[in-house]
Amino acid sequence: MDKDLKQHIRGLEKQLLRPEVRSSPEELNKLLANDFREFGSMGHIFLKSDCIAAVGAGGVFKMTLHNFDMHTLADDAVLATYQIIDETRNRHTLRSSIWKLRNGRWQLFFHQGTIIHLQP
């Protein structure tokens, strides 16, 4: 596996956690593929247009990324898996993302989050 690519994709995932990126239609437009689709942790389906239209509607959450891993699916596609600790809402999610290389840059094509309940 290409360690530089793994670090690059991890960095893109971390960008998407930053409030200034999540609240910027321009940044989201760059990072999300035009055919982006998300299965949210609460069961909702979101398209790129939904994410951009929702800018400013959501809260700012303190989230940290853990246990990042990446698997190559093709020369131009990778699967990223990781866990998010959301300190603001006190919840943990398992996340998976498919990133595709298009026109020389990596864009998020698919994302899914699943809330997990940790044992005390």
PDB file of N, CA and C in Angstrom:
ATOM      1  N   MET A   1       0.837  -1.183   0.000  1.00  0.00           N
ATOM      2  CA  MET A   1       0.000   0.000   0.000  1.00  0.00           C
ATOM      3  C   MET A   1       0.882   1.247   0.000  1.00  0.00           C
ATOM      4  N   ASP A   2       0.445   2.243  -0.698  1.00  0.00           N
ATOM      5  CA  ASP A   2       1.166   3.508  -0.792  1.00  0.00           C
ATOM      6  C   ASP A   2       0.925   4.327   0.479  1.00  0.00           C
ATOM      7  N   LYS A   3       1.959   4.437   1.315  1.00  0.00           N
ATOM      8  CA  LYS A   3       1.823   5.158   2.594  1.00  0.00           C
ATOM      9  C   LYS A   3       1.543   6.643   2.385  1.00  0.00           C
ATOM     10  N   ASP A   4       2.103   7.224   1.314  1.00  0.00           N
ATOM     11  CA  ASP A   4       1.829   8.634   1.032  1.00  0.00           C
ATOM     12  C   ASP A   4       0.356   8.842   0.689  1.00  0.00           C
ATOM     13  N   LEU A   5      -0.207   7.934  -0.103  1.00  0.00           N
ATOM     14  CA  LEU A   5      -1.622   8.033  -0.454  1.00  0.00           C
ATOM     15  C   LEU A   5      -2.489   7.852   0.790  1.00  0.00           C
ATOM     16  N   LYS A   6      -2.117   6.904   1.638  1.00  0.00           N
ATOM     17  CA  LYS A   6      -2.879   6.679   2.872  1.00  0.00           C
ATOM     18  C   LYS A   6      -2.891   7.945   3.726  1.00  0.00           C
ATOM     19  N   GLN A   7      -1.756   8.602   3.859  1.00  0.00           N
ATOM     20  CA  GLN A   7      -1.689   9.837   4.639  1.00  0.00           C
ATOM     21  C   GLN A   7      -2.490  10.959   3.967  1.00  0.00           C
ATOM     22  N   HIS A   8      -2.467  10.992   2.638  1.00  0.00           N
ATOM     23  CA  HIS A   8      -3.222  12.013   1.907  1.00  0.00           C
ATOM     24  C   HIS A   8      -4.727  11.839   2.134  1.00  0.00           C
ATOM     25  N   ILE A   9      -5.210  10.610   2.008  1.00  0.00           N
ATOM     26  CA  ILE A   9      -6.641  10.342   2.202  1.00  0.00           C
ATOM     27  C   ILE A   9      -7.031  10.612   3.649  1.00  0.00           C
ATOM     28  N   ARG A  10      -6.187  10.220   4.585  1.00  0.00           N
ATOM     29  CA  ARG A  10      -6.455  10.512   6.003  1.00  0.00           C
ATOM     30  C   ARG A  10      -6.568  12.027   6.207  1.00  0.00           C
ATOM     31  N   GLY A  11      -5.693  12.767   5.566  1.00  0.00           N
ATOM     32  CA  GLY A  11      -5.744  14.223   5.660  1.00  0.00           C
ATOM     33  C   GLY A  11      -7.029  14.803   5.081  1.00  0.00           C
ATOM     34  N   LEU A  12      -7.502  14.231   3.973  1.00  0.00           N
ATOM     35  CA  LEU A  12      -8.766  14.688   3.392  1.00  0.00           C
ATOM     36  C   LEU A  12      -9.933  14.402   4.331  1.00  0.00           C
ATOM     37  N   GLU A  13      -9.915  13.223   4.949  1.00  0.00           N
ATOM     38  CA  GLU A  13     -10.972  12.885   5.917  1.00  0.00           C
ATOM     39  C   GLU A  13     -10.943  13.864   7.091  1.00  0.00           C
ATOM     40  N   LYS A  14      -9.750  14.181   7.568  1.00  0.00           N
ATOM     41  CA  LYS A  14      -9.633  15.120   8.689  1.00  0.00           C
ATOM     42  C   LYS A  14     -10.107  16.519   8.289  1.00  0.00           C
ATOM     43  N   GLN A  15      -9.867  16.905   7.039  1.00  0.00           N
ATOM     44  CA  GLN A  15     -10.367  18.202   6.567  1.00  0.00           C
ATOM     45  C   GLN A  15     -11.878  18.275   6.694  1.00  0.00           C
ATOM     46  N   LEU A  16     -12.545  17.176   6.350  1.00  0.00           N
ATOM     47  CA  LEU A  16     -14.007  17.154   6.391  1.00  0.00           C
ATOM     48  C   LEU A  16     -14.563  17.234   7.810  1.00  0.00           C
ATOM     49  N   LEU A  17     -13.721  17.055   8.809  1.00  0.00           N
ATOM     50  CA  LEU A  17     -14.152  17.192  10.204  1.00  0.00           C
ATOM     51  C   LEU A  17     -14.030  18.632  10.697  1.00  0.00           C
ATOM     52  N   ARG A  18     -13.287  19.455   9.986  1.00  0.00           N
ATOM     53  CA  ARG A  18     -13.019  20.825  10.435  1.00  0.00           C
ATOM     54  C   ARG A  18     -14.233  21.722  10.181  1.00  0.00           C
ATOM     55  N   PRO A  19     -14.662  22.472  11.198  1.00  0.00           N
ATOM     56  CA  PRO A  19     -15.833  23.342  11.041  1.00  0.00           C
ATOM     57  C   PRO A  19     -15.721  24.315   9.871  1.00  0.00           C
ATOM     58  N   GLU A  20     -14.524  24.854   9.629  1.00  0.00           N
ATOM     59  CA  GLU A  20     -14.382  25.828   8.545  1.00  0.00           C
ATOM     60  C   GLU A  20     -14.539  25.183   7.173  1.00  0.00           C
ATOM     61  N   VAL A  21     -14.267  23.892   7.063  1.00  0.00           N
ATOM     62  CA  VAL A  21     -14.484  23.176   5.801  1.00  0.00           C
ATOM     63  C   VAL A  21     -15.947  22.766   5.691  1.00  0.00           C
ATOM     64  N   ARG A  22     -16.508  22.242   6.772  1.00  0.00           N
ATOM     65  CA  ARG A  22     -17.909  21.802   6.779  1.00  0.00           C
ATOM     66  C   ARG A  22     -18.874  22.957   6.525  1.00  0.00           C
ATOM     67  N   SER A  23     -18.440  24.182   6.804  1.00  0.00           N
ATOM     68  CA  SER A  23     -19.316  25.343   6.621  1.00  0.00           C
ATOM     69  C   SER A  23     -18.986  26.134   5.353  1.00  0.00           C
ATOM     70  N   SER A  24     -18.173  25.554   4.473  1.00  0.00           N
ATOM     71  CA  SER A  24     -17.775  26.249   3.245  1.00  0.00           C
ATOM     72  C   SER A  24     -18.292  25.513   2.006  1.00  0.00           C
ATOM     73  N   PRO A  25     -19.267  26.097   1.303  1.00  0.00           N
ATOM     74  CA  PRO A  25     -19.734  25.457   0.069  1.00  0.00           C
ATOM     75  C   PRO A  25     -18.603  25.239  -0.935  1.00  0.00           C
ATOM     76  N   GLU A  26     -17.656  26.176  -0.988  1.00  0.00           N
ATOM     77  CA  GLU A  26     -16.542  26.057  -1.939  1.00  0.00           C
ATOM     78  C   GLU A  26     -15.663  24.853  -1.608  1.00  0.00           C
ATOM     79  N   GLU A  27     -15.338  24.689  -0.331  1.00  0.00           N
ATOM     80  CA  GLU A  27     -14.493  23.560   0.080  1.00  0.00           C
ATOM     81  C   GLU A  27     -15.225  22.237  -0.119  1.00  0.00           C
ATOM     82  N   LEU A  28     -16.497  22.186   0.257  1.00  0.00           N
ATOM     83  CA  LEU A  28     -17.266  20.956   0.063  1.00  0.00           C
ATOM     84  C   LEU A  28     -17.380  20.619  -1.416  1.00  0.00           C
ATOM     85  N   ASN A  29     -17.560  21.622  -2.244  1.00  0.00           N
ATOM     86  CA  ASN A  29     -17.663  21.392  -3.680  1.00  0.00           C
ATOM     87  C   ASN A  29     -16.395  20.762  -4.238  1.00  0.00           C
ATOM     88  N   LYS A  30     -15.242  21.149  -3.693  1.00  0.00           N
ATOM     89  CA  LYS A  30     -13.966  20.569  -4.135  1.00  0.00           C
ATOM     90  C   LYS A  30     -13.801  19.131  -3.655  1.00  0.00           C
ATOM     91  N   LEU A  31     -14.188  18.875  -2.402  1.00  0.00           N
ATOM     92  CA  LEU A  31     -13.924  17.568  -1.790  1.00  0.00           C
ATOM     93  C   LEU A  31     -14.946  16.497  -2.160  1.00  0.00           C
ATOM     94  N   LEU A  32     -16.191  16.889  -2.391  1.00  0.00           N
ATOM     95  CA  LEU A  32     -17.239  15.918  -2.695  1.00  0.00           C
ATOM     96  C   LEU A  32     -17.399  15.769  -4.201  1.00  0.00           C
ATOM     97  N   ALA A  33     -17.443  14.524  -4.662  1.00  0.00           N
ATOM     98  CA  ALA A  33     -17.674  14.254  -6.082  1.00  0.00           C
ATOM     99  C   ALA A  33     -19.091  14.694  -6.452  1.00  0.00           C
ATOM    100  N   ASN A  34     -19.313  15.024  -7.713  1.00  0.00           N
ATOM    101  CA  ASN A  34     -20.652  15.440  -8.141  1.00  0.00           C
ATOM    102  C   ASN A  34     -21.695  14.360  -7.891  1.00  0.00           C
ATOM    103  N   ASP A  35     -21.288  13.095  -7.965  1.00  0.00           N
ATOM    104  CA  ASP A  35     -22.213  11.979  -7.728  1.00  0.00           C
ATOM    105  C   ASP A  35     -22.076  11.415  -6.314  1.00  0.00           C
ATOM    106  N   PHE A  36     -21.625  12.247  -5.380  1.00  0.00           N
ATOM    107  CA  PHE A  36     -21.472  11.850  -3.976  1.00  0.00           C
ATOM    108  C   PHE A  36     -22.807  11.417  -3.380  1.00  0.00           C
ATOM    109  N   ARG A  37     -22.724  10.396  -2.509  1.00  0.00           N
ATOM    110  CA  ARG A  37     -23.886   9.899  -1.772  1.00  0.00           C
ATOM    111  C   ARG A  37     -23.417   9.497  -0.386  1.00  0.00           C
ATOM    112  N   GLU A  38     -24.220   9.813   0.620  1.00  0.00           N
ATOM    113  CA  GLU A  38     -23.904   9.431   1.997  1.00  0.00           C
ATOM    114  C   GLU A  38     -25.091   8.727   2.627  1.00  0.00           C
ATOM    115  N   PHE A  39     -24.810   7.637   3.331  1.00  0.00           N
ATOM    116  CA  PHE A  39     -25.787   7.002   4.206  1.00  0.00           C
ATOM    117  C   PHE A  39     -25.414   7.455   5.609  1.00  0.00           C
ATOM    118  N   GLY A  40     -26.166   8.398   6.150  1.00  0.00           N
ATOM    119  CA  GLY A  40     -25.844   8.988   7.440  1.00  0.00           C
ATOM    120  C   GLY A  40     -26.068   8.039   8.602  1.00  0.00           C
ATOM    121  N   SER A  41     -25.463   8.387   9.735  1.00  0.00           N
ATOM    122  CA  SER A  41     -25.523   7.530  10.923  1.00  0.00           C
ATOM    123  C   SER A  41     -26.932   7.422  11.494  1.00  0.00           C
ATOM    124  N   MET A  42     -27.818   8.339  11.125  1.00  0.00           N
ATOM    125  CA  MET A  42     -29.199   8.291  11.602  1.00  0.00           C
ATOM    126  C   MET A  42     -30.146   7.715  10.544  1.00  0.00           C
ATOM    127  N   GLY A  43     -29.581   7.175   9.451  1.00  0.00           N
ATOM    128  CA  GLY A  43     -30.392   6.511   8.444  1.00  0.00           C
ATOM    129  C   GLY A  43     -30.832   7.373   7.275  1.00  0.00           C
ATOM    130  N   HIS A  44     -30.389   8.608   7.219  1.00  0.00           N
ATOM    131  CA  HIS A  44     -30.763   9.495   6.114  1.00  0.00           C
ATOM    132  C   HIS A  44     -29.784   9.343   4.952  1.00  0.00           C
ATOM    133  N   ILE A  45     -30.270   9.589   3.746  1.00  0.00           N
ATOM    134  CA  ILE A  45     -29.427   9.572   2.552  1.00  0.00           C
ATOM    135  C   ILE A  45     -29.219  11.018   2.111  1.00  0.00           C
ATOM    136  N   PHE A  46     -27.955  11.374   1.880  1.00  0.00           N
ATOM    137  CA  PHE A  46     -27.599  12.729   1.476  1.00  0.00           C
ATOM    138  C   PHE A  46     -26.845  12.695   0.157  1.00  0.00           C
ATOM    139  N   LEU A  47     -27.139  13.647  -0.710  1.00  0.00           N
ATOM    140  CA  LEU A  47     -26.391  13.857  -1.942  1.00  0.00           C
ATOM    141  C   LEU A  47     -25.495  15.077  -1.754  1.00  0.00           C
ATOM    142  N   LYS A  48     -24.621  15.323  -2.704  1.00  0.00           N
ATOM    143  CA  LYS A  48     -23.739  16.487  -2.621  1.00  0.00           C
ATOM    144  C   LYS A  48     -24.550  17.771  -2.456  1.00  0.00           C
ATOM    145  N   SER A  49     -25.608  17.900  -3.234  1.00  0.00           N
ATOM    146  CA  SER A  49     -26.427  19.112  -3.162  1.00  0.00           C
ATOM    147  C   SER A  49     -27.043  19.298  -1.778  1.00  0.00           C
ATOM    148  N   ASP A  50     -27.412  18.203  -1.114  1.00  0.00           N
ATOM    149  CA  ASP A  50     -27.960  18.285   0.245  1.00  0.00           C
ATOM    150  C   ASP A  50     -26.911  18.814   1.217  1.00  0.00           C
ATOM    151  N   CYS A  51     -25.691  18.312   1.086  1.00  0.00           N
ATOM    152  CA  CYS A  51     -24.606  18.723   1.990  1.00  0.00           C
ATOM    153  C   CYS A  51     -24.288  20.202   1.820  1.00  0.00           C
ATOM    154  N   ILE A  52     -24.242  20.660   0.582  1.00  0.00           N
ATOM    155  CA  ILE A  52     -23.929  22.066   0.332  1.00  0.00           C
ATOM    156  C   ILE A  52     -25.087  22.960   0.779  1.00  0.00           C
ATOM    157  N   ALA A  53     -26.327  22.521   0.542  1.00  0.00           N
ATOM    158  CA  ALA A  53     -27.490  23.310   0.960  1.00  0.00           C
ATOM    159  C   ALA A  53     -27.594  23.411   2.479  1.00  0.00           C
ATOM    160  N   ALA A  54     -27.068  22.419   3.194  1.00  0.00           N
ATOM    161  CA  ALA A  54     -27.169  22.385   4.657  1.00  0.00           C
ATOM    162  C   ALA A  54     -26.064  23.179   5.350  1.00  0.00           C
ATOM    163  N   VAL A  55     -25.157  23.768   4.596  1.00  0.00           N
ATOM    164  CA  VAL A  55     -24.061  24.537   5.196  1.00  0.00           C
ATOM    165  C   VAL A  55     -24.650  25.604   6.110  1.00  0.00           C
ATOM    166  N   GLY A  56     -24.158  25.633   7.330  1.00  0.00           N
ATOM    167  CA  GLY A  56     -24.617  26.610   8.303  1.00  0.00           C
ATOM    168  C   GLY A  56     -25.813  26.157   9.118  1.00  0.00           C
ATOM    169  N   ALA A  57     -26.476  25.070   8.698  1.00  0.00           N
ATOM    170  CA  ALA A  57     -27.662  24.595   9.416  1.00  0.00           C
ATOM    171  C   ALA A  57     -27.297  23.695  10.591  1.00  0.00           C
ATOM    172  N   GLY A  58     -26.152  23.048  10.518  1.00  0.00           N
ATOM    173  CA  GLY A  58     -25.754  22.121  11.578  1.00  0.00           C
ATOM    174  C   GLY A  58     -24.894  22.798  12.625  1.00  0.00           C
ATOM    175  N   GLY A  59     -24.696  22.095  13.710  1.00  0.00           N
ATOM    176  CA  GLY A  59     -23.848  22.613  14.777  1.00  0.00           C
ATOM    177  C   GLY A  59     -22.379  22.351  14.499  1.00  0.00           C
ATOM    178  N   VAL A  60     -21.550  22.903  15.349  1.00  0.00           N
ATOM    179  CA  VAL A  60     -20.112  22.660  15.286  1.00  0.00           C
ATOM    180  C   VAL A  60     -19.791  21.601  16.325  1.00  0.00           C
ATOM    181  N   PHE A  61     -19.212  20.509  15.870  1.00  0.00           N
ATOM    182  CA  PHE A  61     -18.934  19.382  16.750  1.00  0.00           C
ATOM    183  C   PHE A  61     -17.438  19.150  16.846  1.00  0.00           C
ATOM    184  N   LYS A  62     -16.979  18.788  18.040  1.00  0.00           N
ATOM    185  CA  LYS A  62     -15.573  18.443  18.234  1.00  0.00           C
ATOM    186  C   LYS A  62     -15.434  16.944  17.990  1.00  0.00           C
ATOM    187  N   MET A  63     -14.820  16.595  16.851  1.00  0.00           N
ATOM    188  CA  MET A  63     -14.682  15.194  16.461  1.00  0.00           C
ATOM    189  C   MET A  63     -13.217  14.868  16.219  1.00  0.00           C
ATOM    190  N   THR A  64     -12.822  13.668  16.644  1.00  0.00           N
ATOM    191  CA  THR A  64     -11.460  13.204  16.391  1.00  0.00           C
ATOM    192  C   THR A  64     -11.505  11.857  15.682  1.00  0.00           C
ATOM    193  N   LEU A  65     -10.547  11.668  14.796  1.00  0.00           N
ATOM    194  CA  LEU A  65     -10.459  10.475  13.958  1.00  0.00           C
ATOM    195  C   LEU A  65      -9.484   9.481  14.585  1.00  0.00           C
ATOM    196  N   HIS A  66      -9.880   8.195  14.632  1.00  0.00           N
ATOM    197  CA  HIS A  66      -9.051   7.139  15.217  1.00  0.00           C
ATOM    198  C   HIS A  66      -9.097   5.888  14.341  1.00  0.00           C
ATOM    199  N   ASN A  67      -8.087   5.048  14.488  1.00  0.00           N
ATOM    200  CA  ASN A  67      -8.032   3.721  13.847  1.00  0.00           C
ATOM    201  C   ASN A  67      -8.217   3.788  12.332  1.00  0.00           C
ATOM    202  N   PHE A  68      -7.576   4.753  11.705  1.00  0.00           N
ATOM    203  CA  PHE A  68      -7.703   4.923  10.257  1.00  0.00           C
ATOM    204  C   PHE A  68      -7.014   3.784   9.522  1.00  0.00           C
ATOM    205  N   ASP A  69      -7.677   3.271   8.498  1.00  0.00           N
ATOM    206  CA  ASP A  69      -7.078   2.279   7.610  1.00  0.00           C
ATOM    207  C   ASP A  69      -7.568   2.564   6.195  1.00  0.00           C
ATOM    208  N   MET A  70      -6.840   2.064   5.219  1.00  0.00           N
ATOM    209  CA  MET A  70      -7.200   2.283   3.830  1.00  0.00           C
ATOM    210  C   MET A  70      -6.928   1.027   3.026  1.00  0.00           C
ATOM    211  N   HIS A  71      -7.821   0.731   2.090  1.00  0.00           N
ATOM    212  CA  HIS A  71      -7.694  -0.432   1.215  1.00  0.00           C
ATOM    213  C   HIS A  71      -7.861   0.035  -0.226  1.00  0.00           C
ATOM    214  N   THR A  72      -6.956  -0.392  -1.083  1.00  0.00           N
ATOM    215  CA  THR A  72      -7.034  -0.039  -2.494  1.00  0.00           C
ATOM    216  C   THR A  72      -8.095  -0.895  -3.168  1.00  0.00           C
ATOM    217  N   LEU A  73      -9.029  -0.259  -3.866  1.00  0.00           N
ATOM    218  CA  LEU A  73     -10.064  -0.965  -4.615  1.00  0.00           C
ATOM    219  C   LEU A  73      -9.707  -1.054  -6.096  1.00  0.00           C
ATOM    220  N   ALA A  74      -9.044  -0.027  -6.598  1.00  0.00           N
ATOM    221  CA  ALA A  74      -8.593   0.046  -7.993  1.00  0.00           C
ATOM    222  C   ALA A  74      -7.513   1.122  -8.039  1.00  0.00           C
ATOM    223  N   ASP A  75      -6.901   1.313  -9.197  1.00  0.00           N
ATOM    224  CA  ASP A  75      -5.867   2.347  -9.308  1.00  0.00           C
ATOM    225  C   ASP A  75      -6.407   3.733  -8.963  1.00  0.00           C
ATOM    226  N   ASP A  76      -7.704   3.929  -9.184  1.00  0.00           N
ATOM    227  CA  ASP A  76      -8.300   5.243  -8.959  1.00  0.00           C
ATOM    228  C   ASP A  76      -9.397   5.238  -7.898  1.00  0.00           C
ATOM    229  N   ALA A  77      -9.387   4.245  -7.002  1.00  0.00           N
ATOM    230  CA  ALA A  77     -10.418   4.174  -5.961  1.00  0.00           C
ATOM    231  C   ALA A  77      -9.866   3.495  -4.710  1.00  0.00           C
ATOM    232  N   VAL A  78     -10.172   4.092  -3.554  1.00  0.00           N
ATOM    233  CA  VAL A  78      -9.749   3.513  -2.280  1.00  0.00           C
ATOM    234  C   VAL A  78     -10.913   3.543  -1.293  1.00  0.00           C
ATOM    235  N   LEU A  79     -10.864   2.610  -0.353  1.00  0.00           N
ATOM    236  CA  LEU A  79     -11.823   2.547   0.750  1.00  0.00           C
ATOM    237  C   LEU A  79     -11.100   2.949   2.022  1.00  0.00           C
ATOM    238  N   ALA A  80     -11.616   3.959   2.696  1.00  0.00           N
ATOM    239  CA  ALA A  80     -11.070   4.385   3.988  1.00  0.00           C
ATOM    240  C   ALA A  80     -12.047   3.966   5.080  1.00  0.00           C
ATOM    241  N   THR A  81     -11.518   3.408   6.171  1.00  0.00           N
ATOM    242  CA  THR A  81     -12.344   3.048   7.321  1.00  0.00           C
ATOM    243  C   THR A  81     -11.704   3.635   8.569  1.00  0.00           C
ATOM    244  N   TYR A  82     -12.546   4.056   9.504  1.00  0.00           N
ATOM    245  CA  TYR A  82     -12.028   4.669  10.725  1.00  0.00           C
ATOM    246  C   TYR A  82     -13.151   4.825  11.739  1.00  0.00           C
ATOM    247  N   GLN A  83     -12.784   5.282  12.916  1.00  0.00           N
ATOM    248  CA  GLN A  83     -13.743   5.564  13.979  1.00  0.00           C
ATOM    249  C   GLN A  83     -13.678   7.053  14.304  1.00  0.00           C
ATOM    250  N   ILE A  84     -14.832   7.630  14.581  1.00  0.00           N
ATOM    251  CA  ILE A  84     -14.912   9.024  15.014  1.00  0.00           C
ATOM    252  C   ILE A  84     -15.406   9.060  16.450  1.00  0.00           C
ATOM    253  N   ILE A  85     -14.718   9.845  17.262  1.00  0.00           N
ATOM    254  CA  ILE A  85     -15.205  10.147  18.603  1.00  0.00           C
ATOM    255  C   ILE A  85     -15.733  11.577  18.548  1.00  0.00           C
ATOM    256  N   ASP A  86     -17.031  11.699  18.759  1.00  0.00           N
ATOM    257  CA  ASP A  86     -17.706  12.996  18.752  1.00  0.00           C
ATOM    258  C   ASP A  86     -17.865  13.424  20.203  1.00  0.00           C
ATOM    259  N   GLU A  87     -16.971  14.297  20.638  1.00  0.00           N
ATOM    260  CA  GLU A  87     -16.963  14.719  22.039  1.00  0.00           C
ATOM    261  C   GLU A  87     -18.126  15.648  22.361  1.00  0.00           C
ATOM    262  N   THR A  88     -18.634  16.356  21.378  1.00  0.00           N
ATOM    263  CA  THR A  88     -19.742  17.282  21.599  1.00  0.00           C
ATOM    264  C   THR A  88     -21.034  16.529  21.897  1.00  0.00           C
ATOM    265  N   ARG A  89     -21.320  15.513  21.096  1.00  0.00           N
ATOM    266  CA  ARG A  89     -22.567  14.761  21.271  1.00  0.00           C
ATOM    267  C   ARG A  89     -22.366  13.469  22.051  1.00  0.00           C
ATOM    268  N   ASN A  90     -21.129  13.236  22.511  1.00  0.00           N
ATOM    269  CA  ASN A  90     -20.788  12.051  23.290  1.00  0.00           C
ATOM    270  C   ASN A  90     -21.225  10.762  22.591  1.00  0.00           C
ATOM    271  N   ARG A  91     -20.756  10.588  21.351  1.00  0.00           N
ATOM    272  CA  ARG A  91     -21.058   9.357  20.627  1.00  0.00           C
ATOM    273  C   ARG A  91     -19.880   8.972  19.741  1.00  0.00           C
ATOM    274  N   HIS A  92     -19.864   7.708  19.400  1.00  0.00           N
ATOM    275  CA  HIS A  92     -18.816   7.139  18.561  1.00  0.00           C
ATOM    276  C   HIS A  92     -19.475   6.586  17.302  1.00  0.00           C
ATOM    277  N   THR A  93     -18.784   6.742  16.176  1.00  0.00           N
ATOM    278  CA  THR A  93     -19.286   6.161  14.937  1.00  0.00           C
ATOM    279  C   THR A  93     -18.164   5.440  14.204  1.00  0.00           C
ATOM    280  N   LEU A  94     -18.544   4.363  13.544  1.00  0.00           N
ATOM    281  CA  LEU A  94     -17.662   3.714  12.581  1.00  0.00           C
ATOM    282  C   LEU A  94     -17.979   4.349  11.241  1.00  0.00           C
ATOM    283  N   ARG A  95     -16.949   4.638  10.479  1.00  0.00           N
ATOM    284  CA  ARG A  95     -17.160   5.315   9.204  1.00  0.00           C
ATOM    285  C   ARG A  95     -16.400   4.623   8.086  1.00  0.00           C
ATOM    286  N   SER A  96     -16.987   4.688   6.907  1.00  0.00           N
ATOM    287  CA  SER A  96     -16.317   4.176   5.711  1.00  0.00           C
ATOM    288  C   SER A  96     -16.552   5.168   4.580  1.00  0.00           C
ATOM    289  N   SER A  97     -15.524   5.341   3.776  1.00  0.00           N
ATOM    290  CA  SER A  97     -15.579   6.284   2.661  1.00  0.00           C
ATOM    291  C   SER A  97     -14.911   5.662   1.445  1.00  0.00           C
ATOM    292  N   ILE A  98     -15.497   5.900   0.298  1.00  0.00           N
ATOM    293  CA  ILE A  98     -14.848   5.537  -0.962  1.00  0.00           C
ATOM    294  C   ILE A  98     -14.425   6.837  -1.633  1.00  0.00           C
ATOM    295  N   TRP A  99     -13.132   6.938  -1.892  1.00  0.00           N
ATOM    296  CA  TRP A  99     -12.545   8.094  -2.572  1.00  0.00           C
ATOM    297  C   TRP A  99     -12.155   7.681  -3.983  1.00  0.00           C
ATOM    298  N   LYS A 100     -12.437   8.540  -4.963  1.00  0.00           N
ATOM    299  CA  LYS A 100     -12.071   8.278  -6.356  1.00  0.00           C
ATOM    300  C   LYS A 100     -11.163   9.392  -6.868  1.00  0.00           C
ATOM    301  N   LEU A 101     -10.183   8.992  -7.648  1.00  0.00           N
ATOM    302  CA  LEU A 101      -9.271   9.937  -8.286  1.00  0.00           C
ATOM    303  C   LEU A 101      -9.897  10.388  -9.599  1.00  0.00           C
ATOM    304  N   ARG A 102     -10.204  11.681  -9.669  1.00  0.00           N
ATOM    305  CA  ARG A 102     -10.837  12.230 -10.864  1.00  0.00           C
ATOM    306  C   ARG A 102     -10.146  13.535 -11.233  1.00  0.00           C
ATOM    307  N   ASN A 103      -9.758  13.630 -12.492  1.00  0.00           N
ATOM    308  CA  ASN A 103      -9.101  14.852 -12.991  1.00  0.00           C
ATOM    309  C   ASN A 103      -7.927  15.270 -12.115  1.00  0.00           C
ATOM    310  N   GLY A 104      -7.163  14.270 -11.667  1.00  0.00           N
ATOM    311  CA  GLY A 104      -5.944  14.543 -10.918  1.00  0.00           C
ATOM    312  C   GLY A 104      -6.117  14.826  -9.441  1.00  0.00           C
ATOM    313  N   ARG A 105      -7.354  14.721  -8.916  1.00  0.00           N
ATOM    314  CA  ARG A 105      -7.530  14.940  -7.478  1.00  0.00           C
ATOM    315  C   ARG A 105      -8.513  13.923  -6.904  1.00  0.00           C
ATOM    316  N   TRP A 106      -8.325  13.629  -5.627  1.00  0.00           N
ATOM    317  CA  TRP A 106      -9.174  12.673  -4.926  1.00  0.00           C
ATOM    318  C   TRP A 106     -10.426  13.377  -4.427  1.00  0.00           C
ATOM    319  N   GLN A 107     -11.587  12.751  -4.708  1.00  0.00           N
ATOM    320  CA  GLN A 107     -12.863  13.275  -4.240  1.00  0.00           C
ATOM    321  C   GLN A 107     -13.645  12.166  -3.553  1.00  0.00           C
ATOM    322  N   LEU A 108     -14.431  12.574  -2.560  1.00  0.00           N
ATOM    323  CA  LEU A 108     -15.256  11.632  -1.820  1.00  0.00           C
ATOM    324  C   LEU A 108     -16.470  11.261  -2.662  1.00  0.00           C
ATOM    325  N   PHE A 109     -16.600   9.965  -2.948  1.00  0.00           N
ATOM    326  CA  PHE A 109     -17.670   9.434  -3.784  1.00  0.00           C
ATOM    327  C   PHE A 109     -18.802   8.860  -2.935  1.00  0.00           C
ATOM    328  N   PHE A 110     -18.448   8.177  -1.835  1.00  0.00           N
ATOM    329  CA  PHE A 110     -19.456   7.542  -0.976  1.00  0.00           C
ATOM    330  C   PHE A 110     -18.984   7.585   0.466  1.00  0.00           C
ATOM    331  N   HIS A 111     -19.936   7.776   1.376  1.00  0.00           N
ATOM    332  CA  HIS A 111     -19.611   7.790   2.803  1.00  0.00           C
ATOM    333  C   HIS A 111     -20.755   7.162   3.585  1.00  0.00           C
ATOM    334  N   GLN A 112     -20.393   6.422   4.634  1.00  0.00           N
ATOM    335  CA  GLN A 112     -21.403   5.858   5.530  1.00  0.00           C
ATOM    336  C   GLN A 112     -20.907   5.952   6.962  1.00  0.00           C
ATOM    337  N   GLY A 113     -21.804   6.318   7.862  1.00  0.00           N
ATOM    338  CA  GLY A 113     -21.504   6.355   9.290  1.00  0.00           C
ATOM    339  C   GLY A 113     -22.481   5.468  10.039  1.00  0.00           C
ATOM    340  N   THR A 114     -21.971   4.738  11.023  1.00  0.00           N
ATOM    341  CA  THR A 114     -22.802   3.865  11.852  1.00  0.00           C
ATOM    342  C   THR A 114     -22.481   4.134  13.312  1.00  0.00           C
ATOM    343  N   ILE A 115     -23.486   4.552  14.073  1.00  0.00           N
ATOM    344  CA  ILE A 115     -23.285   4.800  15.498  1.00  0.00           C
ATOM    345  C   ILE A 115     -23.016   3.475  16.201  1.00  0.00           C
ATOM    346  N   ILE A 116     -22.024   3.485  17.091  1.00  0.00           N
ATOM    347  CA  ILE A 116     -21.738   2.293  17.889  1.00  0.00           C
ATOM    348  C   ILE A 116     -21.925   2.637  19.361  1.00  0.00           C
ATOM    349  N   HIS A 117     -22.338   1.649  20.109  1.00  0.00           N
ATOM    350  CA  HIS A 117     -22.552   1.823  21.546  1.00  0.00           C
ATOM    351  C   HIS A 117     -21.454   1.067  22.271  1.00  0.00           C
ATOM    352  N   LEU A 118     -20.618   1.804  22.957  1.00  0.00           N
ATOM    353  CA  LEU A 118     -19.501   1.203  23.674  1.00  0.00           C
ATOM    354  C   LEU A 118     -19.963   0.722  25.037  1.00  0.00           C
ATOM    355  N   GLN A 119     -19.440  -0.408  25.450  1.00  0.00           N
ATOM    356  CA  GLN A 119     -19.758  -0.941  26.773  1.00  0.00           C
ATOM    357  C   GLN A 119     -19.001  -0.149  27.830  1.00  0.00           C
ATOM    358  N   PRO A 120     -19.664   0.167  28.963  1.00  0.00           N
ATOM    359  CA  PRO A 120     -18.974   0.929  30.025  1.00  0.00           C
ATOM    360  C   PRO A 120     -17.861   0.140  30.668  1.00  0.00           C
TER     361      PRO A 120
END
